[in-house]
Amino acid sequence: MKVVKHRLDQWDRRHEHSPERLTKLEQQFENQADKLDHLEEGISKINAAVENMGAKITWGLGAAATIMVMFDKFWPLLMKGLGS
């Protein structure tokens, strides 16, 4: 029994700092988790802004294409009507 008690005492002495190390690791994990949460929020905002810009660019290109088609179709009529 004394041998078992002696070995348990040695085991306790060798691992006496484990809870502190675990606490430190837990704190680092929580810190990294917080950073990832903030990063995710930032990425969500960037995605929303890019989506908004994409919609505006799409509408602008559609409008420009429509104007170009109208100009292409009506330019000959305008030139004939003006006597060129």
PDB file of N, CA and C in Angstrom:
ATOM      1  N   MET A   1       0.818  -1.197   0.000  1.00  0.00           N
ATOM      2  CA  MET A   1       0.000   0.000   0.000  1.00  0.00           C
ATOM      3  C   MET A   1       0.863   1.263   0.000  1.00  0.00           C
ATOM      4  N   LYS A   2       1.989   1.176   0.722  1.00  0.00           N
ATOM      5  CA  LYS A   2       2.882   2.329   0.762  1.00  0.00           C
ATOM      6  C   LYS A   2       3.465   2.627  -0.608  1.00  0.00           C
ATOM      7  N   VAL A   3       3.730   1.597  -1.387  1.00  0.00           N
ATOM      8  CA  VAL A   3       4.271   1.801  -2.729  1.00  0.00           C
ATOM      9  C   VAL A   3       3.250   2.531  -3.595  1.00  0.00           C
ATOM     10  N   VAL A   4       2.007   2.119  -3.514  1.00  0.00           N
ATOM     11  CA  VAL A   4       0.948   2.767  -4.292  1.00  0.00           C
ATOM     12  C   VAL A   4       0.795   4.219  -3.864  1.00  0.00           C
ATOM     13  N   LYS A   5       0.803   4.463  -2.548  1.00  0.00           N
ATOM     14  CA  LYS A   5       0.682   5.834  -2.041  1.00  0.00           C
ATOM     15  C   LYS A   5       1.868   6.676  -2.485  1.00  0.00           C
ATOM     16  N   HIS A   6       3.071   6.097  -2.448  1.00  0.00           N
ATOM     17  CA  HIS A   6       4.266   6.816  -2.877  1.00  0.00           C
ATOM     18  C   HIS A   6       4.171   7.180  -4.364  1.00  0.00           C
ATOM     19  N   ARG A   7       3.724   6.221  -5.189  1.00  0.00           N
ATOM     20  CA  ARG A   7       3.603   6.489  -6.624  1.00  0.00           C
ATOM     21  C   ARG A   7       2.523   7.535  -6.909  1.00  0.00           C
ATOM     22  N   LEU A   8       1.435   7.494  -6.188  1.00  0.00           N
ATOM     23  CA  LEU A   8       0.392   8.514  -6.359  1.00  0.00           C
ATOM     24  C   LEU A   8       0.893   9.887  -5.939  1.00  0.00           C
ATOM     25  N   ASP A   9       1.664   9.943  -4.877  1.00  0.00           N
ATOM     26  CA  ASP A   9       2.241  11.226  -4.460  1.00  0.00           C
ATOM     27  C   ASP A   9       3.181  11.767  -5.533  1.00  0.00           C
ATOM     28  N   GLN A  10       4.020  10.890  -6.109  1.00  0.00           N
ATOM     29  CA  GLN A  10       4.912  11.334  -7.182  1.00  0.00           C
ATOM     30  C   GLN A  10       4.111  11.825  -8.386  1.00  0.00           C
ATOM     31  N   TRP A  11       3.063  11.103  -8.711  1.00  0.00           N
ATOM     32  CA  TRP A  11       2.235  11.495  -9.848  1.00  0.00           C
ATOM     33  C   TRP A  11       1.604  12.870  -9.610  1.00  0.00           C
ATOM     34  N   ASP A  12       1.123  13.096  -8.373  1.00  0.00           N
ATOM     35  CA  ASP A  12       0.556  14.397  -8.018  1.00  0.00           C
ATOM     36  C   ASP A  12       1.602  15.492  -8.121  1.00  0.00           C
ATOM     37  N   ARG A  13       2.807  15.216  -7.670  1.00  0.00           N
ATOM     38  CA  ARG A  13       3.866  16.237  -7.715  1.00  0.00           C
ATOM     39  C   ARG A  13       4.265  16.558  -9.157  1.00  0.00           C
ATOM     40  N   ARG A  14       4.336  15.551  -9.986  1.00  0.00           N
ATOM     41  CA  ARG A  14       4.754  15.788 -11.376  1.00  0.00           C
ATOM     42  C   ARG A  14       3.679  16.533 -12.176  1.00  0.00           C
ATOM     43  N   HIS A  15       2.441  16.352 -11.815  1.00  0.00           N
ATOM     44  CA  HIS A  15       1.350  16.969 -12.572  1.00  0.00           C
ATOM     45  C   HIS A  15       0.638  18.055 -11.777  1.00  0.00           C
ATOM     46  N   GLU A  16       1.328  18.650 -10.873  1.00  0.00           N
ATOM     47  CA  GLU A  16       0.653  19.651 -10.051  1.00  0.00           C
ATOM     48  C   GLU A  16       0.329  20.926 -10.822  1.00  0.00           C
ATOM     49  N   HIS A  17       1.002  21.163 -11.932  1.00  0.00           N
ATOM     50  CA  HIS A  17       0.742  22.388 -12.695  1.00  0.00           C
ATOM     51  C   HIS A  17      -0.243  22.169 -13.840  1.00  0.00           C
ATOM     52  N   SER A  18      -0.760  20.983 -13.984  1.00  0.00           N
ATOM     53  CA  SER A  18      -1.686  20.707 -15.088  1.00  0.00           C
ATOM     54  C   SER A  18      -2.911  21.620 -15.083  1.00  0.00           C
ATOM     55  N   PRO A  19      -3.562  21.840 -13.960  1.00  0.00           N
ATOM     56  CA  PRO A  19      -4.737  22.722 -14.008  1.00  0.00           C
ATOM     57  C   PRO A  19      -4.393  24.132 -14.486  1.00  0.00           C
ATOM     58  N   GLU A  20      -3.234  24.641 -14.112  1.00  0.00           N
ATOM     59  CA  GLU A  20      -2.854  25.979 -14.579  1.00  0.00           C
ATOM     60  C   GLU A  20      -2.644  25.972 -16.086  1.00  0.00           C
ATOM     61  N   ARG A  21      -1.983  24.933 -16.582  1.00  0.00           N
ATOM     62  CA  ARG A  21      -1.768  24.853 -18.026  1.00  0.00           C
ATOM     63  C   ARG A  21      -3.090  24.727 -18.757  1.00  0.00           C
ATOM     64  N   LEU A  22      -4.004  23.923 -18.203  1.00  0.00           N
ATOM     65  CA  LEU A  22      -5.311  23.774 -18.842  1.00  0.00           C
ATOM     66  C   LEU A  22      -6.077  25.091 -18.823  1.00  0.00           C
ATOM     67  N   THR A  23      -5.983  25.812 -17.723  1.00  0.00           N
ATOM     68  CA  THR A  23      -6.650  27.108 -17.636  1.00  0.00           C
ATOM     69  C   THR A  23      -6.080  28.063 -18.679  1.00  0.00           C
ATOM     70  N   LYS A  24      -4.762  28.049 -18.831  1.00  0.00           N
ATOM     71  CA  LYS A  24      -4.131  28.918 -19.818  1.00  0.00           C
ATOM     72  C   LYS A  24      -4.572  28.528 -21.230  1.00  0.00           C
ATOM     73  N   LEU A  25      -4.614  27.233 -21.503  1.00  0.00           N
ATOM     74  CA  LEU A  25      -5.068  26.787 -22.819  1.00  0.00           C
ATOM     75  C   LEU A  25      -6.524  27.161 -23.063  1.00  0.00           C
ATOM     76  N   GLU A  26      -7.346  27.040 -22.035  1.00  0.00           N
ATOM     77  CA  GLU A  26      -8.751  27.436 -22.183  1.00  0.00           C
ATOM     78  C   GLU A  26      -8.862  28.931 -22.469  1.00  0.00           C
ATOM     79  N   GLN A  27      -8.052  29.735 -21.801  1.00  0.00           N
ATOM     80  CA  GLN A  27      -8.082  31.177 -22.050  1.00  0.00           C
ATOM     81  C   GLN A  27      -7.637  31.484 -23.471  1.00  0.00           C
ATOM     82  N   GLN A  28      -6.589  30.807 -23.936  1.00  0.00           N
ATOM     83  CA  GLN A  28      -6.135  31.024 -25.305  1.00  0.00           C
ATOM     84  C   GLN A  28      -7.211  30.593 -26.303  1.00  0.00           C
ATOM     85  N   PHE A  29      -7.864  29.491 -26.013  1.00  0.00           N
ATOM     86  CA  PHE A  29      -8.927  29.013 -26.887  1.00  0.00           C
ATOM     87  C   PHE A  29     -10.070  30.025 -26.948  1.00  0.00           C
ATOM     88  N   GLU A  30     -10.482  30.542 -25.798  1.00  0.00           N
ATOM     89  CA  GLU A  30     -11.560  31.533 -25.769  1.00  0.00           C
ATOM     90  C   GLU A  30     -11.155  32.796 -26.512  1.00  0.00           C
ATOM     91  N   ASN A  31      -9.896  33.207 -26.350  1.00  0.00           N
ATOM     92  CA  ASN A  31      -9.411  34.390 -27.045  1.00  0.00           C
ATOM     93  C   ASN A  31      -9.456  34.174 -28.559  1.00  0.00           C
ATOM     94  N   GLN A  32      -8.987  33.014 -29.014  1.00  0.00           N
ATOM     95  CA  GLN A  32      -9.019  32.719 -30.446  1.00  0.00           C
ATOM     96  C   GLN A  32     -10.459  32.615 -30.957  1.00  0.00           C
ATOM     97  N   ALA A  33     -11.339  32.051 -30.154  1.00  0.00           N
ATOM     98  CA  ALA A  33     -12.748  31.949 -30.547  1.00  0.00           C
ATOM     99  C   ALA A  33     -13.364  33.340 -30.696  1.00  0.00           C
ATOM    100  N   ASP A  34     -13.034  34.258 -29.774  1.00  0.00           N
ATOM    101  CA  ASP A  34     -13.529  35.633 -29.884  1.00  0.00           C
ATOM    102  C   ASP A  34     -13.001  36.298 -31.146  1.00  0.00           C
ATOM    103  N   LYS A  35     -11.716  36.095 -31.430  1.00  0.00           N
ATOM    104  CA  LYS A  35     -11.136  36.681 -32.645  1.00  0.00           C
ATOM    105  C   LYS A  35     -11.831  36.141 -33.885  1.00  0.00           C
ATOM    106  N   LEU A  36     -12.102  34.843 -33.906  1.00  0.00           N
ATOM    107  CA  LEU A  36     -12.795  34.258 -35.054  1.00  0.00           C
ATOM    108  C   LEU A  36     -14.214  34.789 -35.198  1.00  0.00           C
ATOM    109  N   ASP A  37     -14.885  35.038 -34.075  1.00  0.00           N
ATOM    110  CA  ASP A  37     -16.228  35.619 -34.141  1.00  0.00           C
ATOM    111  C   ASP A  37     -16.186  37.016 -34.746  1.00  0.00           C
ATOM    112  N   HIS A  38     -15.210  37.828 -34.322  1.00  0.00           N
ATOM    113  CA  HIS A  38     -15.076  39.171 -34.880  1.00  0.00           C
ATOM    114  C   HIS A  38     -14.716  39.114 -36.360  1.00  0.00           C
ATOM    115  N   LEU A  39     -13.862  38.169 -36.717  1.00  0.00           N
ATOM    116  CA  LEU A  39     -13.485  37.997 -38.116  1.00  0.00           C
ATOM    117  C   LEU A  39     -14.695  37.606 -38.956  1.00  0.00           C
ATOM    118  N   GLU A  40     -15.530  36.731 -38.423  1.00  0.00           N
ATOM    119  CA  GLU A  40     -16.735  36.302 -39.142  1.00  0.00           C
ATOM    120  C   GLU A  40     -17.691  37.478 -39.348  1.00  0.00           C
ATOM    121  N   GLU A  41     -17.823  38.327 -38.330  1.00  0.00           N
ATOM    122  CA  GLU A  41     -18.690  39.502 -38.479  1.00  0.00           C
ATOM    123  C   GLU A  41     -18.150  40.436 -39.558  1.00  0.00           C
ATOM    124  N   GLY A  42     -16.837  40.645 -39.564  1.00  0.00           N
ATOM    125  CA  GLY A  42     -16.228  41.499 -40.582  1.00  0.00           C
ATOM    126  C   GLY A  42     -16.408  40.938 -41.977  1.00  0.00           C
ATOM    127  N   ILE A  43     -16.242  39.639 -42.118  1.00  0.00           N
ATOM    128  CA  ILE A  43     -16.414  39.006 -43.429  1.00  0.00           C
ATOM    129  C   ILE A  43     -17.862  39.124 -43.883  1.00  0.00           C
ATOM    130  N   SER A  44     -18.802  39.010 -42.958  1.00  0.00           N
ATOM    131  CA  SER A  44     -20.221  39.163 -43.315  1.00  0.00           C
ATOM    132  C   SER A  44     -20.500  40.569 -43.840  1.00  0.00           C
ATOM    133  N   LYS A  45     -19.912  41.576 -43.186  1.00  0.00           N
ATOM    134  CA  LYS A  45     -20.102  42.953 -43.650  1.00  0.00           C
ATOM    135  C   LYS A  45     -19.486  43.159 -45.023  1.00  0.00           C
ATOM    136  N   ILE A  46     -18.298  42.601 -45.239  1.00  0.00           N
ATOM    137  CA  ILE A  46     -17.643  42.733 -46.543  1.00  0.00           C
ATOM    138  C   ILE A  46     -18.470  42.045 -47.617  1.00  0.00           C
ATOM    139  N   ASN A  47     -18.992  40.855 -47.318  1.00  0.00           N
ATOM    140  CA  ASN A  47     -19.824  40.142 -48.288  1.00  0.00           C
ATOM    141  C   ASN A  47     -21.062  40.942 -48.656  1.00  0.00           C
ATOM    142  N   ALA A  48     -21.686  41.580 -47.674  1.00  0.00           N
ATOM    143  CA  ALA A  48     -22.870  42.395 -47.953  1.00  0.00           C
ATOM    144  C   ALA A  48     -22.516  43.584 -48.844  1.00  0.00           C
ATOM    145  N   ALA A  49     -21.365  44.223 -48.560  1.00  0.00           N
ATOM    146  CA  ALA A  49     -20.949  45.367 -49.370  1.00  0.00           C
ATOM    147  C   ALA A  49     -20.630  44.943 -50.797  1.00  0.00           C
ATOM    148  N   VAL A  50     -19.949  43.824 -50.964  1.00  0.00           N
ATOM    149  CA  VAL A  50     -19.605  43.339 -52.303  1.00  0.00           C
ATOM    150  C   VAL A  50     -20.867  42.950 -53.063  1.00  0.00           C
ATOM    151  N   GLU A  51     -21.820  42.341 -52.371  1.00  0.00           N
ATOM    152  CA  GLU A  51     -23.078  41.972 -53.027  1.00  0.00           C
ATOM    153  C   GLU A  51     -23.823  43.225 -53.494  1.00  0.00           C
ATOM    154  N   ASN A  52     -23.824  44.266 -52.669  1.00  0.00           N
ATOM    155  CA  ASN A  52     -24.476  45.518 -53.028  1.00  0.00           C
ATOM    156  C   ASN A  52     -23.785  46.152 -54.239  1.00  0.00           C
ATOM    157  N   MET A  53     -22.453  46.168 -54.227  1.00  0.00           N
ATOM    158  CA  MET A  53     -21.723  46.728 -55.367  1.00  0.00           C
ATOM    159  C   MET A  53     -21.976  45.915 -56.629  1.00  0.00           C
ATOM    160  N   GLY A  54     -22.023  44.594 -56.482  1.00  0.00           N
ATOM    161  CA  GLY A  54     -22.291  43.740 -57.641  1.00  0.00           C
ATOM    162  C   GLY A  54     -23.652  44.025 -58.249  1.00  0.00           C
ATOM    163  N   ALA A  55     -24.640  44.244 -57.406  1.00  0.00           N
ATOM    164  CA  ALA A  55     -25.982  44.557 -57.915  1.00  0.00           C
ATOM    165  C   ALA A  55     -25.975  45.891 -58.667  1.00  0.00           C
ATOM    166  N   LYS A  56     -25.278  46.878 -58.110  1.00  0.00           N
ATOM    167  CA  LYS A  56     -25.211  48.184 -58.782  1.00  0.00           C
ATOM    168  C   LYS A  56     -24.485  48.088 -60.114  1.00  0.00           C
ATOM    169  N   ILE A  57     -23.392  47.333 -60.146  1.00  0.00           N
ATOM    170  CA  ILE A  57     -22.640  47.178 -61.391  1.00  0.00           C
ATOM    171  C   ILE A  57     -23.488  46.443 -62.432  1.00  0.00           C
ATOM    172  N   THR A  58     -24.216  45.438 -62.000  1.00  0.00           N
ATOM    173  CA  THR A  58     -25.071  44.690 -62.927  1.00  0.00           C
ATOM    174  C   THR A  58     -26.143  45.588 -63.524  1.00  0.00           C
ATOM    175  N   TRP A  59     -26.784  46.381 -62.681  1.00  0.00           N
ATOM    176  CA  TRP A  59     -27.807  47.307 -63.191  1.00  0.00           C
ATOM    177  C   TRP A  59     -27.182  48.339 -64.125  1.00  0.00           C
ATOM    178  N   GLY A  60     -26.010  48.838 -63.778  1.00  0.00           N
ATOM    179  CA  GLY A  60     -25.335  49.831 -64.622  1.00  0.00           C
ATOM    180  C   GLY A  60     -24.961  49.260 -65.977  1.00  0.00           C
ATOM    181  N   LEU A  61     -24.415  48.032 -65.991  1.00  0.00           N
ATOM    182  CA  LEU A  61     -24.067  47.410 -67.271  1.00  0.00           C
ATOM    183  C   LEU A  61     -25.310  47.119 -68.109  1.00  0.00           C
ATOM    184  N   GLY A  62     -26.387  46.721 -67.454  1.00  0.00           N
ATOM    185  CA  GLY A  62     -27.639  46.488 -68.182  1.00  0.00           C
ATOM    186  C   GLY A  62     -28.165  47.773 -68.806  1.00  0.00           C
ATOM    187  N   ALA A  63     -28.112  48.849 -68.048  1.00  0.00           N
ATOM    188  CA  ALA A  63     -28.575  50.140 -68.575  1.00  0.00           C
ATOM    189  C   ALA A  63     -27.676  50.597 -69.723  1.00  0.00           C
ATOM    190  N   ALA A  64     -26.364  50.435 -69.573  1.00  0.00           N
ATOM    191  CA  ALA A  64     -25.437  50.838 -70.635  1.00  0.00           C
ATOM    192  C   ALA A  64     -25.674  50.016 -71.897  1.00  0.00           C
ATOM    193  N   ALA A  65     -25.923  48.722 -71.752  1.00  0.00           N
ATOM    194  CA  ALA A  65     -26.190  47.876 -72.915  1.00  0.00           C
ATOM    195  C   ALA A  65     -27.471  48.302 -73.608  1.00  0.00           C
ATOM    196  N   THR A  66     -28.481  48.634 -72.821  1.00  0.00           N
ATOM    197  CA  THR A  66     -29.753  49.084 -73.399  1.00  0.00           C
ATOM    198  C   THR A  66     -29.573  50.388 -74.165  1.00  0.00           C
ATOM    199  N   ILE A  67     -28.834  51.313 -73.606  1.00  0.00           N
ATOM    200  CA  ILE A  67     -28.590  52.601 -74.281  1.00  0.00           C
ATOM    201  C   ILE A  67     -27.794  52.381 -75.560  1.00  0.00           C
ATOM    202  N   MET A  68     -26.799  51.489 -75.501  1.00  0.00           N
ATOM    203  CA  MET A  68     -25.999  51.225 -76.700  1.00  0.00           C
ATOM    204  C   MET A  68     -26.855  50.602 -77.810  1.00  0.00           C
ATOM    205  N   VAL A  69     -27.753  49.675 -77.452  1.00  0.00           N
ATOM    206  CA  VAL A  69     -28.624  49.058 -78.453  1.00  0.00           C
ATOM    207  C   VAL A  69     -29.564  50.102 -79.046  1.00  0.00           C
ATOM    208  N   MET A  70     -30.119  50.955 -78.199  1.00  0.00           N
ATOM    209  CA  MET A  70     -31.011  52.005 -78.707  1.00  0.00           C
ATOM    210  C   MET A  70     -30.246  52.963 -79.621  1.00  0.00           C
ATOM    211  N   PHE A  71     -29.044  53.339 -79.221  1.00  0.00           N
ATOM    212  CA  PHE A  71     -28.235  54.235 -80.037  1.00  0.00           C
ATOM    213  C   PHE A  71     -27.896  53.580 -81.373  1.00  0.00           C
ATOM    214  N   ASP A  72     -27.562  52.277 -81.342  1.00  0.00           N
ATOM    215  CA  ASP A  72     -27.217  51.556 -82.555  1.00  0.00           C
ATOM    216  C   ASP A  72     -28.403  51.477 -83.509  1.00  0.00           C
ATOM    217  N   LYS A  73     -29.597  51.315 -82.983  1.00  0.00           N
ATOM    218  CA  LYS A  73     -30.788  51.188 -83.832  1.00  0.00           C
ATOM    219  C   LYS A  73     -31.277  52.537 -84.355  1.00  0.00           C
ATOM    220  N   PHE A  74     -31.173  53.564 -83.531  1.00  0.00           N
ATOM    221  CA  PHE A  74     -31.748  54.858 -83.932  1.00  0.00           C
ATOM    222  C   PHE A  74     -30.752  55.791 -84.590  1.00  0.00           C
ATOM    223  N   TRP A  75     -29.451  55.488 -84.535  1.00  0.00           N
ATOM    224  CA  TRP A  75     -28.458  56.372 -85.147  1.00  0.00           C
ATOM    225  C   TRP A  75     -28.662  56.506 -86.662  1.00  0.00           C
ATOM    226  N   PRO A  76     -28.860  55.428 -87.386  1.00  0.00           N
ATOM    227  CA  PRO A  76     -29.075  55.598 -88.832  1.00  0.00           C
ATOM    228  C   PRO A  76     -30.324  56.434 -89.142  1.00  0.00           C
ATOM    229  N   LEU A  77     -31.388  56.271 -88.370  1.00  0.00           N
ATOM    230  CA  LEU A  77     -32.599  57.056 -88.602  1.00  0.00           C
ATOM    231  C   LEU A  77     -32.348  58.530 -88.327  1.00  0.00           C
ATOM    232  N   LEU A  78     -31.599  58.812 -87.276  1.00  0.00           N
ATOM    233  CA  LEU A  78     -31.294  60.214 -86.970  1.00  0.00           C
ATOM    234  C   LEU A  78     -30.444  60.844 -88.082  1.00  0.00           C
ATOM    235  N   MET A  79     -29.466  60.106 -88.572  1.00  0.00           N
ATOM    236  CA  MET A  79     -28.590  60.657 -89.601  1.00  0.00           C
ATOM    237  C   MET A  79     -29.338  60.868 -90.916  1.00  0.00           C
ATOM    238  N   LYS A  80     -30.245  59.945 -91.259  1.00  0.00           N
ATOM    239  CA  LYS A  80     -31.032  60.121 -92.470  1.00  0.00           C
ATOM    240  C   LYS A  80     -31.981  61.298 -92.315  1.00  0.00           C
ATOM    241  N   GLY A  81     -32.533  61.447 -91.139  1.00  0.00           N
ATOM    242  CA  GLY A  81     -33.482  62.541 -90.904  1.00  0.00           C
ATOM    243  C   GLY A  81     -32.795  63.894 -90.885  1.00  0.00           C
ATOM    244  N   LEU A  82     -31.556  63.938 -90.454  1.00  0.00           N
ATOM    245  CA  LEU A  82     -30.830  65.211 -90.418  1.00  0.00           C
ATOM    246  C   LEU A  82     -30.162  65.536 -91.728  1.00  0.00           C
ATOM    247  N   GLY A  83     -30.222  64.645 -92.713  1.00  0.00           N
ATOM    248  CA  GLY A  83     -29.727  64.950 -94.043  1.00  0.00           C
ATOM    249  C   GLY A  83     -28.264  64.621 -94.259  1.00  0.00           C
ATOM    250  N   SER A  84     -27.679  63.704 -93.493  1.00  0.00           N
ATOM    251  CA  SER A  84     -26.274  63.397 -93.759  1.00  0.00           C
ATOM    252  C   SER A  84     -26.139  62.452 -94.906  1.00  0.00           C
TER     253      SER A  84
END
